[in-house]
Amino acid sequence: PPKIMEKVVQKMTNELRGCRKILDAGVGTGRFAKPLQS
């Protein structure tokens, strides 16, 4: 659900803070790569 996805991406953002270049291994449809790129 959109609100859950938003929370998940925010948690990922917090965990990835300080990282510049990230590999999404098994990117699939870009469900997580696209928001992180944005």
ModelCIF file with pLDDT and N, C-alpha, C, O atoms, coordinates in Angstrom:
data_MODEL
#
_entry.id   MODEL 
#
_entity.id                         1 
_entity.type                       polymer 
_entity.pdbx_number_of_molecules   1 
#
_entity_poly.entity_id                      1 
_entity_poly.type                           'polypeptide(L)' 
_entity_poly.nstd_linkage                   no 
_entity_poly.nstd_monomer                   no 
_entity_poly.pdbx_seq_one_letter_code       PPKIMEKVVQKMTNELRGCRKILDAGVGTGRFAKPLQS 
_entity_poly.pdbx_seq_one_letter_code_can   PPKIMEKVVQKMTNELRGCRKILDAGVGTGRFAKPLQS 
_entity_poly.pdbx_strand_id                 A 
#
loop_
_entity_poly_seq.entity_id 
_entity_poly_seq.num 
_entity_poly_seq.mon_id 
_entity_poly_seq.hetero 
1 1  PRO n 
1 2  PRO n 
1 3  LYS n 
1 4  ILE n 
1 5  MET n 
1 6  GLU n 
1 7  LYS n 
1 8  VAL n 
1 9  VAL n 
1 10 GLN n 
1 11 LYS n 
1 12 MET n 
1 13 THR n 
1 14 ASN n 
1 15 GLU n 
1 16 LEU n 
1 17 ARG n 
1 18 GLY n 
1 19 CYS n 
1 20 ARG n 
1 21 LYS n 
1 22 ILE n 
1 23 LEU n 
1 24 ASP n 
1 25 ALA n 
1 26 GLY n 
1 27 VAL n 
1 28 GLY n 
1 29 THR n 
1 30 GLY n 
1 31 ARG n 
1 32 PHE n 
1 33 ALA n 
1 34 LYS n 
1 35 PRO n 
1 36 LEU n 
1 37 GLN n 
1 38 SER n 
#
_struct_asym.id          A 
_struct_asym.entity_id   1 
#
loop_
_ma_qa_metric.id 
_ma_qa_metric.mode 
_ma_qa_metric.name 
_ma_qa_metric.software_group_id 
_ma_qa_metric.type 
1 global pLDDT . pLDDT 
2 local  pLDDT . pLDDT 
#
_ma_qa_metric_global.metric_id      1 
_ma_qa_metric_global.metric_value   96.58 
_ma_qa_metric_global.model_id       1 
_ma_qa_metric_global.ordinal_id     1 
#
loop_
_ma_qa_metric_local.label_asym_id 
_ma_qa_metric_local.label_comp_id 
_ma_qa_metric_local.label_seq_id 
_ma_qa_metric_local.metric_id 
_ma_qa_metric_local.metric_value 
_ma_qa_metric_local.model_id 
_ma_qa_metric_local.ordinal_id 
A PRO 1  2 93.00 1 1  
A PRO 2  2 94.00 1 2  
A LYS 3  2 97.00 1 3  
A ILE 4  2 96.00 1 4  
A MET 5  2 95.00 1 5  
A GLU 6  2 96.00 1 6  
A LYS 7  2 97.00 1 7  
A VAL 8  2 96.00 1 8  
A VAL 9  2 97.00 1 9  
A GLN 10 2 97.00 1 10 
A LYS 11 2 97.00 1 11 
A MET 12 2 97.00 1 12 
A THR 13 2 97.00 1 13 
A ASN 14 2 97.00 1 14 
A GLU 15 2 97.00 1 15 
A LEU 16 2 97.00 1 16 
A ARG 17 2 95.00 1 17 
A GLY 18 2 96.00 1 18 
A CYS 19 2 97.00 1 19 
A ARG 20 2 94.00 1 20 
A LYS 21 2 98.00 1 21 
A ILE 22 2 98.00 1 22 
A LEU 23 2 98.00 1 23 
A ASP 24 2 98.00 1 24 
A ALA 25 2 97.00 1 25 
A GLY 26 2 95.00 1 26 
A VAL 27 2 97.00 1 27 
A GLY 28 2 95.00 1 28 
A THR 29 2 96.00 1 29 
A GLY 30 2 97.00 1 30 
A ARG 31 2 96.00 1 31 
A PHE 32 2 97.00 1 32 
A ALA 33 2 98.00 1 33 
A LYS 34 2 98.00 1 34 
A PRO 35 2 97.00 1 35 
A LEU 36 2 98.00 1 36 
A GLN 37 2 98.00 1 37 
A SER 38 2 97.00 1 38 
#
loop_
_atom_site.group_PDB 
_atom_site.id 
_atom_site.type_symbol 
_atom_site.label_atom_id 
_atom_site.label_alt_id 
_atom_site.label_comp_id 
_atom_site.label_asym_id 
_atom_site.label_entity_id 
_atom_site.label_seq_id 
_atom_site.pdbx_PDB_ins_code 
_atom_site.Cartn_x 
_atom_site.Cartn_y 
_atom_site.Cartn_z 
_atom_site.occupancy 
_atom_site.B_iso_or_equiv 
_atom_site.pdbx_formal_charge 
_atom_site.auth_seq_id 
_atom_site.auth_comp_id 
_atom_site.auth_asym_id 
_atom_site.auth_atom_id 
_atom_site.pdbx_PDB_model_num 
ATOM 1   N N  . PRO A 1 1  ? 0.851  -1.197 0.000   1.00 93.00 ? 1  PRO A N  1 
ATOM 2   C CA . PRO A 1 1  ? 0.000  0.000  0.000   1.00 93.00 ? 1  PRO A CA 1 
ATOM 3   C C  . PRO A 1 1  ? 0.887  1.248  0.000   1.00 93.00 ? 1  PRO A C  1 
ATOM 4   O O  . PRO A 1 1  ? 1.960  1.242  0.602   1.00 93.00 ? 1  PRO A O  1 
ATOM 5   N N  . PRO A 1 2  ? 0.448  2.313  -0.669  1.00 94.00 ? 2  PRO A N  1 
ATOM 6   C CA . PRO A 1 2  ? 1.296  3.511  -0.818  1.00 94.00 ? 2  PRO A CA 1 
ATOM 7   C C  . PRO A 1 2  ? 1.897  4.040  0.487   1.00 94.00 ? 2  PRO A C  1 
ATOM 8   O O  . PRO A 1 2  ? 3.074  4.402  0.506   1.00 94.00 ? 2  PRO A O  1 
ATOM 9   N N  . LYS A 1 3  ? 1.139  4.095  1.558   1.00 97.00 ? 3  LYS A N  1 
ATOM 10  C CA . LYS A 1 3  ? 1.677  4.626  2.821   1.00 97.00 ? 3  LYS A CA 1 
ATOM 11  C C  . LYS A 1 3  ? 2.759  3.714  3.405   1.00 97.00 ? 3  LYS A C  1 
ATOM 12  O O  . LYS A 1 3  ? 3.739  4.192  3.977   1.00 97.00 ? 3  LYS A O  1 
ATOM 13  N N  . ILE A 1 4  ? 2.578  2.417  3.260   1.00 96.00 ? 4  ILE A N  1 
ATOM 14  C CA . ILE A 1 4  ? 3.585  1.464  3.735   1.00 96.00 ? 4  ILE A CA 1 
ATOM 15  C C  . ILE A 1 4  ? 4.836  1.574  2.878   1.00 96.00 ? 4  ILE A C  1 
ATOM 16  O O  . ILE A 1 4  ? 5.952  1.582  3.398   1.00 96.00 ? 4  ILE A O  1 
ATOM 17  N N  . MET A 1 5  ? 4.652  1.659  1.563   1.00 95.00 ? 5  MET A N  1 
ATOM 18  C CA . MET A 1 5  ? 5.791  1.795  0.655   1.00 95.00 ? 5  MET A CA 1 
ATOM 19  C C  . MET A 1 5  ? 6.589  3.049  0.990   1.00 95.00 ? 5  MET A C  1 
ATOM 20  O O  . MET A 1 5  ? 7.819  3.023  1.003   1.00 95.00 ? 5  MET A O  1 
ATOM 21  N N  . GLU A 1 6  ? 5.897  4.130  1.258   1.00 96.00 ? 6  GLU A N  1 
ATOM 22  C CA . GLU A 1 6  ? 6.563  5.380  1.632   1.00 96.00 ? 6  GLU A CA 1 
ATOM 23  C C  . GLU A 1 6  ? 7.406  5.194  2.895   1.00 96.00 ? 6  GLU A C  1 
ATOM 24  O O  . GLU A 1 6  ? 8.529  5.694  2.968   1.00 96.00 ? 6  GLU A O  1 
ATOM 25  N N  . LYS A 1 7  ? 6.879  4.486  3.874   1.00 97.00 ? 7  LYS A N  1 
ATOM 26  C CA . LYS A 1 7  ? 7.618  4.229  5.113   1.00 97.00 ? 7  LYS A CA 1 
ATOM 27  C C  . LYS A 1 7  ? 8.829  3.332  4.863   1.00 97.00 ? 7  LYS A C  1 
ATOM 28  O O  . LYS A 1 7  ? 9.904  3.556  5.419   1.00 97.00 ? 7  LYS A O  1 
ATOM 29  N N  . VAL A 1 8  ? 8.642  2.319  4.025   1.00 96.00 ? 8  VAL A N  1 
ATOM 30  C CA . VAL A 1 8  ? 9.748  1.408  3.708   1.00 96.00 ? 8  VAL A CA 1 
ATOM 31  C C  . VAL A 1 8  ? 10.878 2.168  3.013   1.00 96.00 ? 8  VAL A C  1 
ATOM 32  O O  . VAL A 1 8  ? 12.048 2.005  3.359   1.00 96.00 ? 8  VAL A O  1 
ATOM 33  N N  . VAL A 1 9  ? 10.523 2.995  2.038   1.00 97.00 ? 9  VAL A N  1 
ATOM 34  C CA . VAL A 1 9  ? 11.542 3.768  1.315   1.00 97.00 ? 9  VAL A CA 1 
ATOM 35  C C  . VAL A 1 9  ? 12.231 4.743  2.269   1.00 97.00 ? 9  VAL A C  1 
ATOM 36  O O  . VAL A 1 9  ? 13.438 4.960  2.159   1.00 97.00 ? 9  VAL A O  1 
ATOM 37  N N  . GLN A 1 10 ? 11.490 5.327  3.194   1.00 97.00 ? 10 GLN A N  1 
ATOM 38  C CA . GLN A 1 10 ? 12.106 6.239  4.170   1.00 97.00 ? 10 GLN A CA 1 
ATOM 39  C C  . GLN A 1 10 ? 13.100 5.488  5.058   1.00 97.00 ? 10 GLN A C  1 
ATOM 40  O O  . GLN A 1 10 ? 14.186 5.995  5.341   1.00 97.00 ? 10 GLN A O  1 
ATOM 41  N N  . LYS A 1 11 ? 12.738 4.294  5.492   1.00 97.00 ? 11 LYS A N  1 
ATOM 42  C CA . LYS A 1 11 ? 13.657 3.483  6.309   1.00 97.00 ? 11 LYS A CA 1 
ATOM 43  C C  . LYS A 1 11 ? 14.902 3.115  5.506   1.00 97.00 ? 11 LYS A C  1 
ATOM 44  O O  . LYS A 1 11 ? 16.018 3.154  6.024   1.00 97.00 ? 11 LYS A O  1 
ATOM 45  N N  . MET A 1 12 ? 14.702 2.759  4.237   1.00 97.00 ? 12 MET A N  1 
ATOM 46  C CA . MET A 1 12 ? 15.844 2.442  3.385   1.00 97.00 ? 12 MET A CA 1 
ATOM 47  C C  . MET A 1 12 ? 16.743 3.659  3.225   1.00 97.00 ? 12 MET A C  1 
ATOM 48  O O  . MET A 1 12 ? 17.968 3.544  3.265   1.00 97.00 ? 12 MET A O  1 
ATOM 49  N N  . THR A 1 13 ? 16.137 4.814  3.045   1.00 97.00 ? 13 THR A N  1 
ATOM 50  C CA . THR A 1 13 ? 16.894 6.056  2.899   1.00 97.00 ? 13 THR A CA 1 
ATOM 51  C C  . THR A 1 13 ? 17.751 6.303  4.129   1.00 97.00 ? 13 THR A C  1 
ATOM 52  O O  . THR A 1 13 ? 18.912 6.696  4.015   1.00 97.00 ? 13 THR A O  1 
ATOM 53  N N  . ASN A 1 14 ? 17.187 6.074  5.292   1.00 97.00 ? 14 ASN A N  1 
ATOM 54  C CA . ASN A 1 14 ? 17.945 6.251  6.540   1.00 97.00 ? 14 ASN A CA 1 
ATOM 55  C C  . ASN A 1 14 ? 19.123 5.283  6.616   1.00 97.00 ? 14 ASN A C  1 
ATOM 56  O O  . ASN A 1 14 ? 20.226 5.663  7.008   1.00 97.00 ? 14 ASN A O  1 
ATOM 57  N N  . GLU A 1 15 ? 18.877 4.033  6.237   1.00 97.00 ? 15 GLU A N  1 
ATOM 58  C CA . GLU A 1 15 ? 19.935 3.016  6.277   1.00 97.00 ? 15 GLU A CA 1 
ATOM 59  C C  . GLU A 1 15 ? 21.035 3.291  5.254   1.00 97.00 ? 15 GLU A C  1 
ATOM 60  O O  . GLU A 1 15 ? 22.207 3.002  5.499   1.00 97.00 ? 15 GLU A O  1 
ATOM 61  N N  . LEU A 1 16 ? 20.654 3.847  4.118   1.00 97.00 ? 16 LEU A N  1 
ATOM 62  C CA . LEU A 1 16 ? 21.608 4.072  3.025   1.00 97.00 ? 16 LEU A CA 1 
ATOM 63  C C  . LEU A 1 16 ? 22.269 5.444  3.082   1.00 97.00 ? 16 LEU A C  1 
ATOM 64  O O  . LEU A 1 16 ? 23.085 5.778  2.223   1.00 97.00 ? 16 LEU A O  1 
ATOM 65  N N  . ARG A 1 17 ? 21.928 6.222  4.067   1.00 95.00 ? 17 ARG A N  1 
ATOM 66  C CA . ARG A 1 17 ? 22.535 7.550  4.214   1.00 95.00 ? 17 ARG A CA 1 
ATOM 67  C C  . ARG A 1 17 ? 24.056 7.418  4.202   1.00 95.00 ? 17 ARG A C  1 
ATOM 68  O O  . ARG A 1 17 ? 24.625 6.577  4.898   1.00 95.00 ? 17 ARG A O  1 
ATOM 69  N N  . GLY A 1 18 ? 24.686 8.240  3.420   1.00 96.00 ? 18 GLY A N  1 
ATOM 70  C CA . GLY A 1 18 ? 26.140 8.190  3.286   1.00 96.00 ? 18 GLY A CA 1 
ATOM 71  C C  . GLY A 1 18 ? 26.604 7.328  2.115   1.00 96.00 ? 18 GLY A C  1 
ATOM 72  O O  . GLY A 1 18 ? 27.777 7.351  1.744   1.00 96.00 ? 18 GLY A O  1 
ATOM 73  N N  . CYS A 1 19 ? 25.690 6.582  1.549   1.00 97.00 ? 19 CYS A N  1 
ATOM 74  C CA . CYS A 1 19 ? 26.025 5.761  0.377   1.00 97.00 ? 19 CYS A CA 1 
ATOM 75  C C  . CYS A 1 19 ? 25.698 6.548  -0.883  1.00 97.00 ? 19 CYS A C  1 
ATOM 76  O O  . CYS A 1 19 ? 24.628 7.148  -0.989  1.00 97.00 ? 19 CYS A O  1 
ATOM 77  N N  . ARG A 1 20 ? 26.608 6.544  -1.820  1.00 94.00 ? 20 ARG A N  1 
ATOM 78  C CA . ARG A 1 20 ? 26.383 7.260  -3.068  1.00 94.00 ? 20 ARG A CA 1 
ATOM 79  C C  . ARG A 1 20 ? 25.919 6.309  -4.159  1.00 94.00 ? 20 ARG A C  1 
ATOM 80  O O  . ARG A 1 20 ? 24.923 6.566  -4.834  1.00 94.00 ? 20 ARG A O  1 
ATOM 81  N N  . LYS A 1 21 ? 26.633 5.225  -4.326  1.00 98.00 ? 21 LYS A N  1 
ATOM 82  C CA . LYS A 1 21 ? 26.378 4.298  -5.432  1.00 98.00 ? 21 LYS A CA 1 
ATOM 83  C C  . LYS A 1 21 ? 25.856 2.974  -4.867  1.00 98.00 ? 21 LYS A C  1 
ATOM 84  O O  . LYS A 1 21 ? 26.515 2.340  -4.043  1.00 98.00 ? 21 LYS A O  1 
ATOM 85  N N  . ILE A 1 22 ? 24.659 2.560  -5.322  1.00 98.00 ? 22 ILE A N  1 
ATOM 86  C CA . ILE A 1 22 ? 23.993 1.389  -4.777  1.00 98.00 ? 22 ILE A CA 1 
ATOM 87  C C  . ILE A 1 22 ? 23.664 0.412  -5.899  1.00 98.00 ? 22 ILE A C  1 
ATOM 88  O O  . ILE A 1 22 ? 23.167 0.810  -6.952  1.00 98.00 ? 22 ILE A O  1 
ATOM 89  N N  . LEU A 1 23 ? 23.942 -0.851 -5.670  1.00 98.00 ? 23 LEU A N  1 
ATOM 90  C CA . LEU A 1 23 ? 23.551 -1.914 -6.592  1.00 98.00 ? 23 LEU A CA 1 
ATOM 91  C C  . LEU A 1 23 ? 22.219 -2.474 -6.129  1.00 98.00 ? 23 LEU A C  1 
ATOM 92  O O  . LEU A 1 23 ? 22.073 -2.852 -4.966  1.00 98.00 ? 23 LEU A O  1 
ATOM 93  N N  . ASP A 1 24 ? 21.244 -2.529 -7.032  1.00 98.00 ? 24 ASP A N  1 
ATOM 94  C CA . ASP A 1 24 ? 19.982 -3.222 -6.763  1.00 98.00 ? 24 ASP A CA 1 
ATOM 95  C C  . ASP A 1 24 ? 20.034 -4.525 -7.544  1.00 98.00 ? 24 ASP A C  1 
ATOM 96  O O  . ASP A 1 24 ? 19.732 -4.561 -8.736  1.00 98.00 ? 24 ASP A O  1 
ATOM 97  N N  . ALA A 1 25 ? 20.419 -5.592 -6.859  1.00 97.00 ? 25 ALA A N  1 
ATOM 98  C CA . ALA A 1 25 ? 20.596 -6.908 -7.476  1.00 97.00 ? 25 ALA A CA 1 
ATOM 99  C C  . ALA A 1 25 ? 19.242 -7.604 -7.539  1.00 97.00 ? 25 ALA A C  1 
ATOM 100 O O  . ALA A 1 25 ? 18.689 -8.004 -6.514  1.00 97.00 ? 25 ALA A O  1 
ATOM 101 N N  . GLY A 1 26 ? 18.721 -7.743 -8.738  1.00 95.00 ? 26 GLY A N  1 
ATOM 102 C CA . GLY A 1 26 ? 17.365 -8.257 -8.918  1.00 95.00 ? 26 GLY A CA 1 
ATOM 103 C C  . GLY A 1 26 ? 16.381 -7.107 -8.863  1.00 95.00 ? 26 GLY A C  1 
ATOM 104 O O  . GLY A 1 26 ? 15.372 -7.172 -8.161  1.00 95.00 ? 26 GLY A O  1 
ATOM 105 N N  . VAL A 1 27 ? 16.679 -6.055 -9.606  1.00 97.00 ? 27 VAL A N  1 
ATOM 106 C CA . VAL A 1 27 ? 15.903 -4.808 -9.574  1.00 97.00 ? 27 VAL A CA 1 
ATOM 107 C C  . VAL A 1 27 ? 14.440 -5.003 -9.953  1.00 97.00 ? 27 VAL A C  1 
ATOM 108 O O  . VAL A 1 27 ? 13.581 -4.223 -9.542  1.00 97.00 ? 27 VAL A O  1 
ATOM 109 N N  . GLY A 1 28 ? 14.155 -6.040 -10.734 1.00 95.00 ? 28 GLY A N  1 
ATOM 110 C CA . GLY A 1 28 ? 12.765 -6.288 -11.119 1.00 95.00 ? 28 GLY A CA 1 
ATOM 111 C C  . GLY A 1 28 ? 12.150 -5.116 -11.854 1.00 95.00 ? 28 GLY A C  1 
ATOM 112 O O  . GLY A 1 28 ? 12.713 -4.609 -12.824 1.00 95.00 ? 28 GLY A O  1 
ATOM 113 N N  . THR A 1 29 ? 10.998 -4.693 -11.387 1.00 96.00 ? 29 THR A N  1 
ATOM 114 C CA . THR A 1 29 ? 10.257 -3.609 -12.039 1.00 96.00 ? 29 THR A CA 1 
ATOM 115 C C  . THR A 1 29 ? 10.692 -2.234 -11.549 1.00 96.00 ? 29 THR A C  1 
ATOM 116 O O  . THR A 1 29 ? 10.089 -1.224 -11.913 1.00 96.00 ? 29 THR A O  1 
ATOM 117 N N  . GLY A 1 30 ? 11.723 -2.190 -10.735 1.00 97.00 ? 30 GLY A N  1 
ATOM 118 C CA . GLY A 1 30 ? 12.209 -0.903 -10.242 1.00 97.00 ? 30 GLY A CA 1 
ATOM 119 C C  . GLY A 1 30 ? 11.426 -0.360 -9.062  1.00 97.00 ? 30 GLY A C  1 
ATOM 120 O O  . GLY A 1 30 ? 11.502 0.833  -8.769  1.00 97.00 ? 30 GLY A O  1 
ATOM 121 N N  . ARG A 1 31 ? 10.677 -1.209 -8.381  1.00 96.00 ? 31 ARG A N  1 
ATOM 122 C CA . ARG A 1 31 ? 9.825  -0.748 -7.281  1.00 96.00 ? 31 ARG A CA 1 
ATOM 123 C C  . ARG A 1 31 ? 10.592 -0.008 -6.197  1.00 96.00 ? 31 ARG A C  1 
ATOM 124 O O  . ARG A 1 31 ? 10.041 0.895  -5.567  1.00 96.00 ? 31 ARG A O  1 
ATOM 125 N N  . PHE A 1 32 ? 11.827 -0.362 -5.968  1.00 97.00 ? 32 PHE A N  1 
ATOM 126 C CA . PHE A 1 32 ? 12.621 0.326  -4.947  1.00 97.00 ? 32 PHE A CA 1 
ATOM 127 C C  . PHE A 1 32 ? 13.699 1.201  -5.573  1.00 97.00 ? 32 PHE A C  1 
ATOM 128 O O  . PHE A 1 32 ? 14.038 2.247  -5.019  1.00 97.00 ? 32 PHE A O  1 
ATOM 129 N N  . ALA A 1 33 ? 14.241 0.796  -6.709  1.00 98.00 ? 33 ALA A N  1 
ATOM 130 C CA . ALA A 1 33 ? 15.284 1.589  -7.363  1.00 98.00 ? 33 ALA A CA 1 
ATOM 131 C C  . ALA A 1 33 ? 14.760 2.957  -7.785  1.00 98.00 ? 33 ALA A C  1 
ATOM 132 O O  . ALA A 1 33 ? 15.419 3.972  -7.559  1.00 98.00 ? 33 ALA A O  1 
ATOM 133 N N  . LYS A 1 34 ? 13.592 2.989  -8.390  1.00 98.00 ? 34 LYS A N  1 
ATOM 134 C CA . LYS A 1 34 ? 13.044 4.256  -8.890  1.00 98.00 ? 34 LYS A CA 1 
ATOM 135 C C  . LYS A 1 34 ? 12.838 5.275  -7.760  1.00 98.00 ? 34 LYS A C  1 
ATOM 136 O O  . LYS A 1 34 ? 13.290 6.411  -7.898  1.00 98.00 ? 34 LYS A O  1 
ATOM 137 N N  . PRO A 1 35 ? 12.173 4.918  -6.646  1.00 97.00 ? 35 PRO A N  1 
ATOM 138 C CA . PRO A 1 35 ? 12.036 5.899  -5.568  1.00 97.00 ? 35 PRO A CA 1 
ATOM 139 C C  . PRO A 1 35 ? 13.379 6.360  -5.003  1.00 97.00 ? 35 PRO A C  1 
ATOM 140 O O  . PRO A 1 35 ? 13.554 7.535  -4.681  1.00 97.00 ? 35 PRO A O  1 
ATOM 141 N N  . LEU A 1 36 ? 14.326 5.425  -4.885  1.00 98.00 ? 36 LEU A N  1 
ATOM 142 C CA . LEU A 1 36 ? 15.642 5.814  -4.372  1.00 98.00 ? 36 LEU A CA 1 
ATOM 143 C C  . LEU A 1 36 ? 16.360 6.738  -5.348  1.00 98.00 ? 36 LEU A C  1 
ATOM 144 O O  . LEU A 1 36 ? 17.019 7.690  -4.930  1.00 98.00 ? 36 LEU A O  1 
ATOM 145 N N  . GLN A 1 37 ? 16.237 6.467  -6.639  1.00 98.00 ? 37 GLN A N  1 
ATOM 146 C CA . GLN A 1 37 ? 16.813 7.362  -7.647  1.00 98.00 ? 37 GLN A CA 1 
ATOM 147 C C  . GLN A 1 37 ? 16.169 8.747  -7.551  1.00 98.00 ? 37 GLN A C  1 
ATOM 148 O O  . GLN A 1 37 ? 16.855 9.763  -7.669  1.00 98.00 ? 37 GLN A O  1 
ATOM 149 N N  . SER A 1 38 ? 14.884 8.784  -7.343  1.00 97.00 ? 38 SER A N  1 
ATOM 150 C CA . SER A 1 38 ? 14.174 10.067 -7.232  1.00 97.00 ? 38 SER A CA 1 
ATOM 151 C C  . SER A 1 38 ? 14.626 10.863 -6.017  1.00 97.00 ? 38 SER A C  1 
ATOM 152 O O  . SER A 1 38 ? 14.127 11.963 -5.780  1.00 97.00 ? 38 SER A O  1 
#
